[in-house]
Amino acid sequence: MSTENALKPFQEVELSPPEGVTVSLSEKTLQVKGPKGTVSRNFSKIPVGVSVREGKVVLSAYRKKKMDRAILSTCRSHVENMFKGVREGFNYRLKVVFAHFPITVKVQNGEVHLENFYGERSPRVARIVGEGTTVKSEGDDIVVSGPSLEGVAQTAANIENSTRVKKKDQRVFLDGVYIYKRKAVEG
C-alpha cells in the first residue's frame, strides 16, 4: 500500500466556488448565492467539518476510516450540486397521462392541485418543496425548476406520488403523472 493513497487523519477537501457565486457559513448551515438564486444546507447532522476560508468551502473528515471518506465524498457532491444549482438551475419534466378523464393541473399557495383524476371530485394535492422551486403547466407537461436539486426532485416526486393508483393493475390503469426528463438547465 502506497503512502499517497493512505487517508490522512483529518483529511480536507477544498472546493472553490465558480465565478459569480458567493459562499457563507452560519453555524453549520452553508449558504450559496448565485445568479439563479440562493441555496442553503444544514450540515449539523453529518459528521464532517465545514468551514469557509478565503471564499472557498473546506470539508474535513473527523476520522481516518473508509466510511468517513465516503461521507466526505457525499458532502462534496452536495456542495458541487449547490454550486451548479445557483449557476444553472435544475429542471424536471413530468408528463400528464390520461385515458378518459382529462386531468387539470393548478398551482395554488405552494401546492399543486391535480383535478379530475379518474373523475374524482376532490383534487389530489402535492406539496412544493424548496424556496426557489417553481412549477408550471405546459399543455400535457409539468415543468418543475429551481436552484436546489433536492427541492426540485422532491417536488417532482410528490407530484408523481400524488397520482399513484392502489389496488388496481398499473398495466391497465395508466393514468397519472410521470417523470420523464431530469437535467441541469444551461445558461
N, C-alpha and C. Protein backbone atom coordinates (compact mmCIF):
# COMPACT_ATOMS: atom_id res chain seq x y z
N MET A 1 0.85 -1.18 0.00
CA MET A 1 0.00 0.00 0.00
C MET A 1 0.89 1.24 0.00
N SER A 2 0.66 2.12 -0.95
CA SER A 2 1.49 3.32 -1.04
C SER A 2 1.01 4.36 -0.05
N THR A 3 1.91 5.23 0.32
CA THR A 3 1.55 6.27 1.30
C THR A 3 0.71 7.37 0.66
N GLU A 4 0.71 7.49 -0.69
CA GLU A 4 -0.09 8.51 -1.35
C GLU A 4 -1.58 8.22 -1.22
N ASN A 5 -1.95 6.93 -1.32
CA ASN A 5 -3.36 6.55 -1.27
C ASN A 5 -3.89 6.42 0.15
N ALA A 6 -3.00 6.38 1.14
CA ALA A 6 -3.46 6.25 2.53
C ALA A 6 -4.17 7.53 2.95
N LEU A 7 -5.27 7.38 3.65
CA LEU A 7 -6.07 8.52 4.10
C LEU A 7 -5.40 9.18 5.29
N LYS A 8 -5.18 10.46 5.20
CA LYS A 8 -4.56 11.21 6.29
C LYS A 8 -5.59 11.47 7.37
N PRO A 9 -5.17 11.55 8.61
CA PRO A 9 -6.14 11.94 9.63
C PRO A 9 -6.61 13.36 9.36
N PHE A 10 -7.89 13.60 9.56
CA PHE A 10 -8.50 14.90 9.31
C PHE A 10 -8.27 15.35 7.87
N GLN A 11 -8.55 14.47 6.94
CA GLN A 11 -8.42 14.79 5.52
C GLN A 11 -9.34 15.94 5.16
N GLU A 12 -8.84 16.85 4.32
CA GLU A 12 -9.62 18.02 3.93
C GLU A 12 -9.81 18.05 2.42
N VAL A 13 -10.98 18.54 2.02
CA VAL A 13 -11.29 18.76 0.62
C VAL A 13 -11.64 20.23 0.48
N GLU A 14 -10.99 20.91 -0.45
CA GLU A 14 -11.24 22.34 -0.65
C GLU A 14 -11.96 22.52 -1.97
N LEU A 15 -13.11 23.21 -1.93
CA LEU A 15 -13.93 23.43 -3.12
C LEU A 15 -14.00 24.93 -3.41
N SER A 16 -13.58 25.31 -4.60
CA SER A 16 -13.64 26.71 -5.00
C SER A 16 -14.96 26.98 -5.71
N PRO A 17 -15.71 28.00 -5.29
CA PRO A 17 -16.96 28.30 -5.99
C PRO A 17 -16.68 28.89 -7.36
N PRO A 18 -17.55 28.64 -8.33
CA PRO A 18 -17.37 29.22 -9.66
C PRO A 18 -17.51 30.74 -9.63
N GLU A 19 -17.19 31.37 -10.73
CA GLU A 19 -17.27 32.82 -10.83
C GLU A 19 -18.72 33.27 -10.69
N GLY A 20 -18.95 34.29 -9.89
CA GLY A 20 -20.30 34.83 -9.68
C GLY A 20 -21.05 34.16 -8.55
N VAL A 21 -20.41 33.25 -7.83
CA VAL A 21 -21.05 32.53 -6.73
C VAL A 21 -20.34 32.89 -5.42
N THR A 22 -21.14 33.26 -4.41
CA THR A 22 -20.58 33.58 -3.10
C THR A 22 -21.03 32.54 -2.08
N VAL A 23 -20.19 32.32 -1.08
CA VAL A 23 -20.43 31.29 -0.08
C VAL A 23 -20.34 31.92 1.30
N SER A 24 -21.27 31.55 2.20
CA SER A 24 -21.20 31.99 3.59
C SER A 24 -21.62 30.84 4.50
N LEU A 25 -21.14 30.89 5.74
CA LEU A 25 -21.41 29.82 6.70
C LEU A 25 -21.90 30.44 8.00
N SER A 26 -23.04 29.96 8.48
CA SER A 26 -23.59 30.38 9.75
C SER A 26 -23.83 29.12 10.58
N GLU A 27 -23.07 28.98 11.67
CA GLU A 27 -23.04 27.75 12.46
C GLU A 27 -22.66 26.61 11.53
N LYS A 28 -23.52 25.64 11.26
CA LYS A 28 -23.18 24.58 10.31
C LYS A 28 -24.10 24.61 9.09
N THR A 29 -24.67 25.77 8.80
CA THR A 29 -25.52 25.93 7.63
C THR A 29 -24.75 26.68 6.55
N LEU A 30 -24.53 26.02 5.43
CA LEU A 30 -23.81 26.61 4.32
C LEU A 30 -24.81 27.26 3.37
N GLN A 31 -24.55 28.51 3.01
CA GLN A 31 -25.44 29.24 2.11
C GLN A 31 -24.65 29.64 0.88
N VAL A 32 -25.20 29.30 -0.30
CA VAL A 32 -24.55 29.59 -1.57
C VAL A 32 -25.47 30.50 -2.37
N LYS A 33 -24.94 31.65 -2.82
CA LYS A 33 -25.72 32.61 -3.61
C LYS A 33 -25.14 32.71 -5.00
N GLY A 34 -26.02 32.78 -5.99
CA GLY A 34 -25.60 32.90 -7.37
C GLY A 34 -26.66 33.59 -8.20
N PRO A 35 -26.48 33.64 -9.51
CA PRO A 35 -27.43 34.34 -10.38
C PRO A 35 -28.83 33.72 -10.41
N LYS A 36 -28.96 32.42 -10.19
CA LYS A 36 -30.27 31.76 -10.23
C LYS A 36 -30.99 31.72 -8.89
N GLY A 37 -30.32 32.14 -7.81
CA GLY A 37 -30.97 32.14 -6.51
C GLY A 37 -30.02 31.76 -5.39
N THR A 38 -30.61 31.40 -4.27
CA THR A 38 -29.86 31.05 -3.07
C THR A 38 -30.25 29.65 -2.62
N VAL A 39 -29.24 28.87 -2.23
CA VAL A 39 -29.47 27.52 -1.71
C VAL A 39 -28.72 27.41 -0.39
N SER A 40 -29.39 26.87 0.63
CA SER A 40 -28.72 26.65 1.91
C SER A 40 -28.90 25.20 2.33
N ARG A 41 -27.91 24.69 3.05
CA ARG A 41 -27.96 23.30 3.51
C ARG A 41 -27.35 23.22 4.89
N ASN A 42 -28.01 22.48 5.76
CA ASN A 42 -27.56 22.30 7.14
C ASN A 42 -26.71 21.03 7.22
N PHE A 43 -25.47 21.17 7.66
CA PHE A 43 -24.55 20.04 7.79
C PHE A 43 -24.37 19.62 9.24
N SER A 44 -25.28 20.02 10.14
CA SER A 44 -25.10 19.74 11.57
C SER A 44 -25.23 18.26 11.91
N LYS A 45 -26.00 17.49 11.15
CA LYS A 45 -26.19 16.08 11.47
C LYS A 45 -25.25 15.16 10.70
N ILE A 46 -24.35 15.75 9.93
CA ILE A 46 -23.40 14.98 9.14
C ILE A 46 -22.03 15.08 9.82
N PRO A 47 -21.35 13.96 10.08
CA PRO A 47 -20.06 14.02 10.79
C PRO A 47 -18.91 14.50 9.90
N VAL A 48 -19.02 15.74 9.44
CA VAL A 48 -18.00 16.36 8.61
C VAL A 48 -17.83 17.80 9.08
N GLY A 49 -16.59 18.27 9.15
CA GLY A 49 -16.33 19.66 9.49
C GLY A 49 -16.50 20.53 8.25
N VAL A 50 -17.25 21.61 8.38
CA VAL A 50 -17.49 22.53 7.26
C VAL A 50 -16.99 23.90 7.67
N SER A 51 -16.18 24.52 6.82
CA SER A 51 -15.71 25.87 7.08
C SER A 51 -15.53 26.60 5.76
N VAL A 52 -15.47 27.93 5.86
CA VAL A 52 -15.23 28.77 4.69
C VAL A 52 -13.95 29.55 4.95
N ARG A 53 -12.96 29.33 4.08
CA ARG A 53 -11.68 30.03 4.19
C ARG A 53 -11.37 30.72 2.87
N GLU A 54 -11.19 32.02 2.93
CA GLU A 54 -10.83 32.82 1.77
C GLU A 54 -11.80 32.59 0.61
N GLY A 55 -13.08 32.51 0.90
CA GLY A 55 -14.10 32.33 -0.13
C GLY A 55 -14.23 30.92 -0.66
N LYS A 56 -13.53 29.95 -0.07
CA LYS A 56 -13.60 28.56 -0.51
C LYS A 56 -14.22 27.71 0.59
N VAL A 57 -14.94 26.67 0.19
CA VAL A 57 -15.55 25.74 1.14
C VAL A 57 -14.55 24.64 1.45
N VAL A 58 -14.30 24.42 2.74
CA VAL A 58 -13.36 23.38 3.17
C VAL A 58 -14.14 22.35 3.97
N LEU A 59 -14.12 21.10 3.49
CA LEU A 59 -14.77 19.98 4.18
C LEU A 59 -13.67 19.11 4.77
N SER A 60 -13.81 18.72 6.03
CA SER A 60 -12.79 17.90 6.66
C SER A 60 -13.42 16.71 7.39
N ALA A 61 -12.76 15.56 7.26
CA ALA A 61 -13.23 14.34 7.92
C ALA A 61 -12.71 14.32 9.35
N TYR A 62 -13.50 13.76 10.24
CA TYR A 62 -13.12 13.68 11.65
C TYR A 62 -12.19 12.51 11.95
N ARG A 63 -12.37 11.41 11.21
CA ARG A 63 -11.57 10.21 11.47
C ARG A 63 -10.91 9.75 10.18
N LYS A 64 -10.24 8.60 10.28
CA LYS A 64 -9.43 8.09 9.18
C LYS A 64 -10.02 6.82 8.58
N LYS A 65 -11.32 6.63 8.70
CA LYS A 65 -11.94 5.39 8.26
C LYS A 65 -12.52 5.53 6.85
N LYS A 66 -12.80 4.39 6.24
CA LYS A 66 -13.35 4.35 4.89
C LYS A 66 -14.73 5.00 4.84
N MET A 67 -15.53 4.80 5.87
CA MET A 67 -16.86 5.40 5.94
C MET A 67 -16.77 6.92 5.95
N ASP A 68 -15.78 7.46 6.64
CA ASP A 68 -15.62 8.91 6.69
C ASP A 68 -15.24 9.48 5.33
N ARG A 69 -14.44 8.73 4.57
CA ARG A 69 -14.11 9.16 3.21
C ARG A 69 -15.36 9.17 2.33
N ALA A 70 -16.23 8.17 2.51
CA ALA A 70 -17.47 8.11 1.74
C ALA A 70 -18.39 9.28 2.10
N ILE A 71 -18.49 9.59 3.39
CA ILE A 71 -19.31 10.72 3.83
C ILE A 71 -18.75 12.03 3.30
N LEU A 72 -17.43 12.16 3.31
CA LEU A 72 -16.77 13.35 2.78
C LEU A 72 -17.07 13.53 1.29
N SER A 73 -17.05 12.42 0.54
CA SER A 73 -17.36 12.48 -0.90
C SER A 73 -18.81 12.86 -1.14
N THR A 74 -19.70 12.36 -0.30
CA THR A 74 -21.11 12.71 -0.42
C THR A 74 -21.32 14.19 -0.17
N CYS A 75 -20.69 14.72 0.87
CA CYS A 75 -20.79 16.15 1.16
C CYS A 75 -20.22 16.99 0.03
N ARG A 76 -19.14 16.52 -0.56
CA ARG A 76 -18.55 17.22 -1.70
C ARG A 76 -19.55 17.29 -2.85
N SER A 77 -20.24 16.18 -3.12
CA SER A 77 -21.24 16.16 -4.19
C SER A 77 -22.38 17.12 -3.89
N HIS A 78 -22.80 17.19 -2.62
CA HIS A 78 -23.87 18.12 -2.24
C HIS A 78 -23.46 19.56 -2.51
N VAL A 79 -22.24 19.91 -2.12
CA VAL A 79 -21.77 21.29 -2.32
C VAL A 79 -21.62 21.59 -3.81
N GLU A 80 -21.11 20.64 -4.59
CA GLU A 80 -20.99 20.85 -6.04
C GLU A 80 -22.36 21.01 -6.68
N ASN A 81 -23.37 20.26 -6.21
CA ASN A 81 -24.74 20.44 -6.72
C ASN A 81 -25.29 21.81 -6.34
N MET A 82 -24.93 22.30 -5.17
CA MET A 82 -25.36 23.65 -4.78
C MET A 82 -24.75 24.69 -5.72
N PHE A 83 -23.46 24.55 -6.04
CA PHE A 83 -22.80 25.47 -6.98
C PHE A 83 -23.48 25.41 -8.35
N LYS A 84 -23.76 24.20 -8.82
CA LYS A 84 -24.39 24.02 -10.13
C LYS A 84 -25.80 24.59 -10.15
N GLY A 85 -26.52 24.42 -9.05
CA GLY A 85 -27.90 24.89 -8.98
C GLY A 85 -28.03 26.40 -9.01
N VAL A 86 -27.15 27.11 -8.30
CA VAL A 86 -27.26 28.58 -8.28
C VAL A 86 -26.71 29.20 -9.55
N ARG A 87 -25.94 28.45 -10.34
CA ARG A 87 -25.45 28.98 -11.61
C ARG A 87 -26.35 28.60 -12.77
N GLU A 88 -26.78 27.32 -12.84
CA GLU A 88 -27.54 26.84 -13.98
C GLU A 88 -28.99 26.52 -13.64
N GLY A 89 -29.24 25.97 -12.46
CA GLY A 89 -30.58 25.54 -12.07
C GLY A 89 -30.83 24.11 -12.49
N PHE A 90 -31.89 23.52 -11.93
CA PHE A 90 -32.27 22.16 -12.25
C PHE A 90 -33.69 22.16 -12.78
N ASN A 91 -34.00 21.18 -13.64
CA ASN A 91 -35.26 21.15 -14.34
C ASN A 91 -35.75 19.71 -14.45
N TYR A 92 -36.94 19.43 -13.97
CA TYR A 92 -37.57 18.12 -14.13
C TYR A 92 -38.84 18.31 -14.95
N ARG A 93 -39.08 17.39 -15.88
CA ARG A 93 -40.29 17.44 -16.69
C ARG A 93 -41.13 16.20 -16.39
N LEU A 94 -42.42 16.41 -16.21
CA LEU A 94 -43.35 15.33 -15.94
C LEU A 94 -44.42 15.32 -17.02
N LYS A 95 -44.90 14.16 -17.39
CA LYS A 95 -45.93 14.02 -18.41
C LYS A 95 -47.25 13.63 -17.74
N VAL A 96 -48.32 14.37 -18.09
CA VAL A 96 -49.66 14.06 -17.59
C VAL A 96 -50.29 13.07 -18.58
N VAL A 97 -50.65 11.88 -18.09
CA VAL A 97 -51.20 10.83 -18.94
C VAL A 97 -52.60 10.48 -18.44
N PHE A 98 -53.56 10.48 -19.38
CA PHE A 98 -54.92 10.07 -19.01
C PHE A 98 -55.58 9.42 -20.21
N ALA A 99 -56.52 8.49 -19.93
CA ALA A 99 -57.22 7.77 -20.98
C ALA A 99 -58.63 8.31 -21.19
N HIS A 100 -59.34 8.59 -20.11
CA HIS A 100 -60.73 9.01 -20.26
C HIS A 100 -60.99 10.36 -19.61
N PHE A 101 -60.68 10.51 -18.33
CA PHE A 101 -60.95 11.76 -17.62
C PHE A 101 -59.75 12.70 -17.77
N PRO A 102 -59.95 13.87 -18.40
CA PRO A 102 -58.82 14.81 -18.56
C PRO A 102 -58.40 15.41 -17.22
N ILE A 103 -57.12 15.36 -16.94
CA ILE A 103 -56.56 15.87 -15.69
C ILE A 103 -56.18 17.32 -15.88
N THR A 104 -56.60 18.19 -14.95
CA THR A 104 -56.19 19.59 -14.99
C THR A 104 -55.23 19.85 -13.84
N VAL A 105 -54.22 20.69 -14.11
CA VAL A 105 -53.18 20.99 -13.15
C VAL A 105 -53.25 22.46 -12.78
N LYS A 106 -53.31 22.73 -11.47
CA LYS A 106 -53.33 24.11 -10.98
C LYS A 106 -52.31 24.25 -9.85
N VAL A 107 -51.61 25.38 -9.85
CA VAL A 107 -50.64 25.67 -8.79
C VAL A 107 -51.23 26.75 -7.90
N GLN A 108 -51.39 26.44 -6.60
CA GLN A 108 -52.01 27.38 -5.66
C GLN A 108 -51.32 27.28 -4.30
N ASN A 109 -50.87 28.42 -3.76
CA ASN A 109 -50.36 28.52 -2.39
C ASN A 109 -49.31 27.46 -2.04
N GLY A 110 -48.33 27.27 -2.89
CA GLY A 110 -47.27 26.32 -2.59
C GLY A 110 -47.69 24.87 -2.74
N GLU A 111 -48.75 24.62 -3.47
CA GLU A 111 -49.23 23.27 -3.71
C GLU A 111 -49.63 23.10 -5.17
N VAL A 112 -49.55 21.87 -5.65
CA VAL A 112 -50.01 21.53 -6.99
C VAL A 112 -51.29 20.72 -6.84
N HIS A 113 -52.37 21.20 -7.45
CA HIS A 113 -53.66 20.51 -7.38
C HIS A 113 -53.91 19.81 -8.71
N LEU A 114 -54.11 18.50 -8.65
CA LEU A 114 -54.42 17.70 -9.84
C LEU A 114 -55.90 17.34 -9.76
N GLU A 115 -56.70 18.01 -10.60
CA GLU A 115 -58.15 17.86 -10.52
C GLU A 115 -58.65 16.88 -11.58
N ASN A 116 -59.77 16.23 -11.28
CA ASN A 116 -60.47 15.31 -12.16
C ASN A 116 -59.66 14.05 -12.44
N PHE A 117 -58.81 13.64 -11.52
CA PHE A 117 -58.04 12.42 -11.69
C PHE A 117 -58.97 11.23 -11.50
N TYR A 118 -59.15 10.41 -12.52
CA TYR A 118 -60.11 9.31 -12.54
C TYR A 118 -61.52 9.76 -12.19
N GLY A 119 -61.85 11.01 -12.49
CA GLY A 119 -63.19 11.53 -12.22
C GLY A 119 -63.46 11.82 -10.76
N GLU A 120 -62.41 11.85 -9.93
CA GLU A 120 -62.60 12.12 -8.51
C GLU A 120 -63.04 13.57 -8.31
N ARG A 121 -63.90 13.80 -7.34
CA ARG A 121 -64.41 15.15 -7.09
C ARG A 121 -63.41 16.03 -6.35
N SER A 122 -62.65 15.45 -5.46
CA SER A 122 -61.66 16.25 -4.74
C SER A 122 -60.30 16.13 -5.44
N PRO A 123 -59.54 17.22 -5.47
CA PRO A 123 -58.25 17.18 -6.19
C PRO A 123 -57.19 16.42 -5.39
N ARG A 124 -56.25 15.85 -6.10
CA ARG A 124 -55.07 15.28 -5.47
C ARG A 124 -54.09 16.44 -5.28
N VAL A 125 -53.44 16.51 -4.12
CA VAL A 125 -52.60 17.65 -3.77
C VAL A 125 -51.17 17.19 -3.54
N ALA A 126 -50.21 17.93 -4.13
CA ALA A 126 -48.79 17.66 -3.93
C ALA A 126 -48.14 18.95 -3.44
N ARG A 127 -47.25 18.83 -2.46
CA ARG A 127 -46.60 19.99 -1.85
C ARG A 127 -45.36 20.38 -2.66
N ILE A 128 -45.13 21.69 -2.82
CA ILE A 128 -43.93 22.20 -3.47
C ILE A 128 -42.87 22.41 -2.39
N VAL A 129 -41.68 21.82 -2.59
CA VAL A 129 -40.60 21.86 -1.60
C VAL A 129 -39.50 22.79 -2.09
N GLY A 130 -38.96 23.61 -1.19
CA GLY A 130 -37.84 24.49 -1.53
C GLY A 130 -38.29 25.91 -1.79
N GLU A 131 -37.41 26.85 -1.49
CA GLU A 131 -37.75 28.26 -1.63
C GLU A 131 -37.86 28.71 -3.09
N GLY A 132 -36.91 28.37 -3.92
CA GLY A 132 -36.91 28.86 -5.29
C GLY A 132 -37.56 27.92 -6.28
N THR A 133 -38.23 26.88 -5.83
CA THR A 133 -38.82 25.90 -6.72
C THR A 133 -40.10 26.43 -7.35
N THR A 134 -40.18 26.35 -8.68
CA THR A 134 -41.37 26.80 -9.41
C THR A 134 -41.95 25.63 -10.19
N VAL A 135 -43.28 25.65 -10.32
CA VAL A 135 -43.99 24.61 -11.06
C VAL A 135 -44.85 25.30 -12.11
N LYS A 136 -44.72 24.87 -13.37
CA LYS A 136 -45.51 25.42 -14.47
C LYS A 136 -46.16 24.28 -15.23
N SER A 137 -47.37 24.54 -15.70
CA SER A 137 -48.07 23.57 -16.52
C SER A 137 -48.00 24.04 -17.97
N GLU A 138 -47.46 23.18 -18.86
CA GLU A 138 -47.33 23.49 -20.27
C GLU A 138 -48.01 22.39 -21.08
N GLY A 139 -49.29 22.53 -21.34
CA GLY A 139 -50.03 21.51 -22.07
C GLY A 139 -50.11 20.22 -21.26
N ASP A 140 -49.56 19.13 -21.82
CA ASP A 140 -49.55 17.84 -21.12
C ASP A 140 -48.31 17.66 -20.26
N ASP A 141 -47.48 18.69 -20.16
CA ASP A 141 -46.25 18.61 -19.37
C ASP A 141 -46.36 19.49 -18.13
N ILE A 142 -45.67 19.06 -17.07
CA ILE A 142 -45.48 19.87 -15.88
C ILE A 142 -43.98 20.07 -15.75
N VAL A 143 -43.54 21.33 -15.63
CA VAL A 143 -42.12 21.64 -15.54
C VAL A 143 -41.83 22.13 -14.13
N VAL A 144 -40.94 21.43 -13.44
CA VAL A 144 -40.52 21.80 -12.09
C VAL A 144 -39.08 22.28 -12.21
N SER A 145 -38.79 23.52 -11.77
CA SER A 145 -37.44 24.04 -11.88
C SER A 145 -37.09 24.84 -10.63
N GLY A 146 -35.77 24.97 -10.40
CA GLY A 146 -35.30 25.72 -9.25
C GLY A 146 -33.81 25.51 -9.04
N PRO A 147 -33.22 26.24 -8.08
CA PRO A 147 -31.78 26.13 -7.84
C PRO A 147 -31.37 24.94 -6.95
N SER A 148 -32.29 24.40 -6.18
CA SER A 148 -31.97 23.30 -5.27
C SER A 148 -32.37 21.97 -5.88
N LEU A 149 -31.39 21.07 -6.07
CA LEU A 149 -31.67 19.76 -6.64
C LEU A 149 -32.63 18.98 -5.75
N GLU A 150 -32.43 19.03 -4.44
CA GLU A 150 -33.30 18.30 -3.52
C GLU A 150 -34.73 18.83 -3.58
N GLY A 151 -34.90 20.15 -3.63
CA GLY A 151 -36.23 20.75 -3.69
C GLY A 151 -36.96 20.39 -4.97
N VAL A 152 -36.27 20.47 -6.10
CA VAL A 152 -36.88 20.16 -7.40
C VAL A 152 -37.22 18.68 -7.48
N ALA A 153 -36.30 17.82 -7.07
CA ALA A 153 -36.53 16.38 -7.15
C ALA A 153 -37.66 15.94 -6.22
N GLN A 154 -37.70 16.49 -5.00
CA GLN A 154 -38.75 16.10 -4.06
C GLN A 154 -40.12 16.60 -4.51
N THR A 155 -40.17 17.80 -5.10
CA THR A 155 -41.44 18.32 -5.61
C THR A 155 -41.95 17.44 -6.75
N ALA A 156 -41.07 17.06 -7.67
CA ALA A 156 -41.46 16.18 -8.78
C ALA A 156 -41.93 14.82 -8.24
N ALA A 157 -41.25 14.30 -7.24
CA ALA A 157 -41.65 13.02 -6.65
C ALA A 157 -43.00 13.15 -5.94
N ASN A 158 -43.25 14.28 -5.27
CA ASN A 158 -44.54 14.49 -4.61
C ASN A 158 -45.67 14.52 -5.64
N ILE A 159 -45.44 15.16 -6.78
CA ILE A 159 -46.47 15.21 -7.82
C ILE A 159 -46.72 13.82 -8.38
N GLU A 160 -45.65 13.09 -8.66
CA GLU A 160 -45.79 11.74 -9.21
C GLU A 160 -46.50 10.81 -8.21
N ASN A 161 -46.13 10.89 -6.94
CA ASN A 161 -46.73 10.02 -5.92
C ASN A 161 -48.17 10.37 -5.61
N SER A 162 -48.57 11.63 -5.83
CA SER A 162 -49.95 12.01 -5.54
C SER A 162 -50.94 11.34 -6.49
N THR A 163 -50.47 10.90 -7.66
CA THR A 163 -51.35 10.24 -8.62
C THR A 163 -51.17 8.73 -8.64
N ARG A 164 -50.57 8.19 -7.62
CA ARG A 164 -50.39 6.74 -7.55
C ARG A 164 -51.75 6.06 -7.34
N VAL A 165 -51.98 5.00 -8.10
CA VAL A 165 -53.23 4.25 -8.00
C VAL A 165 -52.95 2.95 -7.27
N LYS A 166 -53.74 2.68 -6.25
CA LYS A 166 -53.55 1.49 -5.45
C LYS A 166 -54.66 0.47 -5.73
N LYS A 167 -54.33 -0.77 -5.55
CA LYS A 167 -55.27 -1.88 -5.68
C LYS A 167 -55.85 -2.01 -7.09
N LYS A 168 -55.10 -1.57 -8.10
CA LYS A 168 -55.50 -1.76 -9.49
C LYS A 168 -54.25 -2.12 -10.29
N ASP A 169 -54.44 -2.79 -11.39
CA ASP A 169 -53.33 -3.20 -12.23
C ASP A 169 -52.78 -1.99 -12.98
N GLN A 170 -51.51 -1.65 -12.73
CA GLN A 170 -50.91 -0.46 -13.36
C GLN A 170 -50.71 -0.63 -14.85
N ARG A 171 -50.73 -1.84 -15.36
CA ARG A 171 -50.60 -2.05 -16.80
C ARG A 171 -51.88 -1.66 -17.52
N VAL A 172 -53.00 -1.71 -16.81
CA VAL A 172 -54.29 -1.36 -17.40
C VAL A 172 -54.65 0.08 -17.07
N PHE A 173 -54.51 0.48 -15.82
CA PHE A 173 -54.85 1.82 -15.37
C PHE A 173 -53.58 2.68 -15.43
N LEU A 174 -53.33 3.28 -16.59
CA LEU A 174 -52.09 4.02 -16.82
C LEU A 174 -52.18 5.49 -16.46
N ASP A 175 -53.34 5.98 -16.08
CA ASP A 175 -53.49 7.41 -15.79
C ASP A 175 -52.55 7.82 -14.67
N GLY A 176 -52.01 9.03 -14.79
CA GLY A 176 -51.13 9.55 -13.75
C GLY A 176 -50.19 10.60 -14.30
N VAL A 177 -49.24 11.00 -13.47
CA VAL A 177 -48.22 11.97 -13.86
C VAL A 177 -46.88 11.28 -13.63
N TYR A 178 -46.02 11.28 -14.65
CA TYR A 178 -44.78 10.52 -14.60
C TYR A 178 -43.58 11.40 -14.97
N ILE A 179 -42.49 11.28 -14.21
CA ILE A 179 -41.25 11.99 -14.52
C ILE A 179 -40.63 11.34 -15.75
N TYR A 180 -40.26 12.16 -16.75
CA TYR A 180 -39.61 11.59 -17.92
C TYR A 180 -38.31 12.28 -18.30
N LYS A 181 -37.96 13.41 -17.69
CA LYS A 181 -36.70 14.06 -18.03
C LYS A 181 -36.16 14.82 -16.83
N ARG A 182 -34.87 14.60 -16.55
CA ARG A 182 -34.17 15.31 -15.48
C ARG A 182 -32.92 15.92 -16.10
N LYS A 183 -32.68 17.21 -15.82
CA LYS A 183 -31.45 17.81 -16.34
C LYS A 183 -31.12 19.10 -15.62
N ALA A 184 -29.85 19.48 -15.77
CA ALA A 184 -29.42 20.79 -15.30
C ALA A 184 -29.68 21.77 -16.43
N VAL A 185 -30.24 22.92 -16.12
CA VAL A 185 -30.57 23.92 -17.13
C VAL A 185 -29.30 24.65 -17.53
N GLU A 186 -29.10 24.84 -18.79
CA GLU A 186 -27.93 25.57 -19.28
C GLU A 186 -28.27 27.04 -19.41
N GLY A 187 -27.36 27.88 -18.95
CA GLY A 187 -27.48 29.34 -19.12
C GLY A 187 -28.49 29.92 -18.25
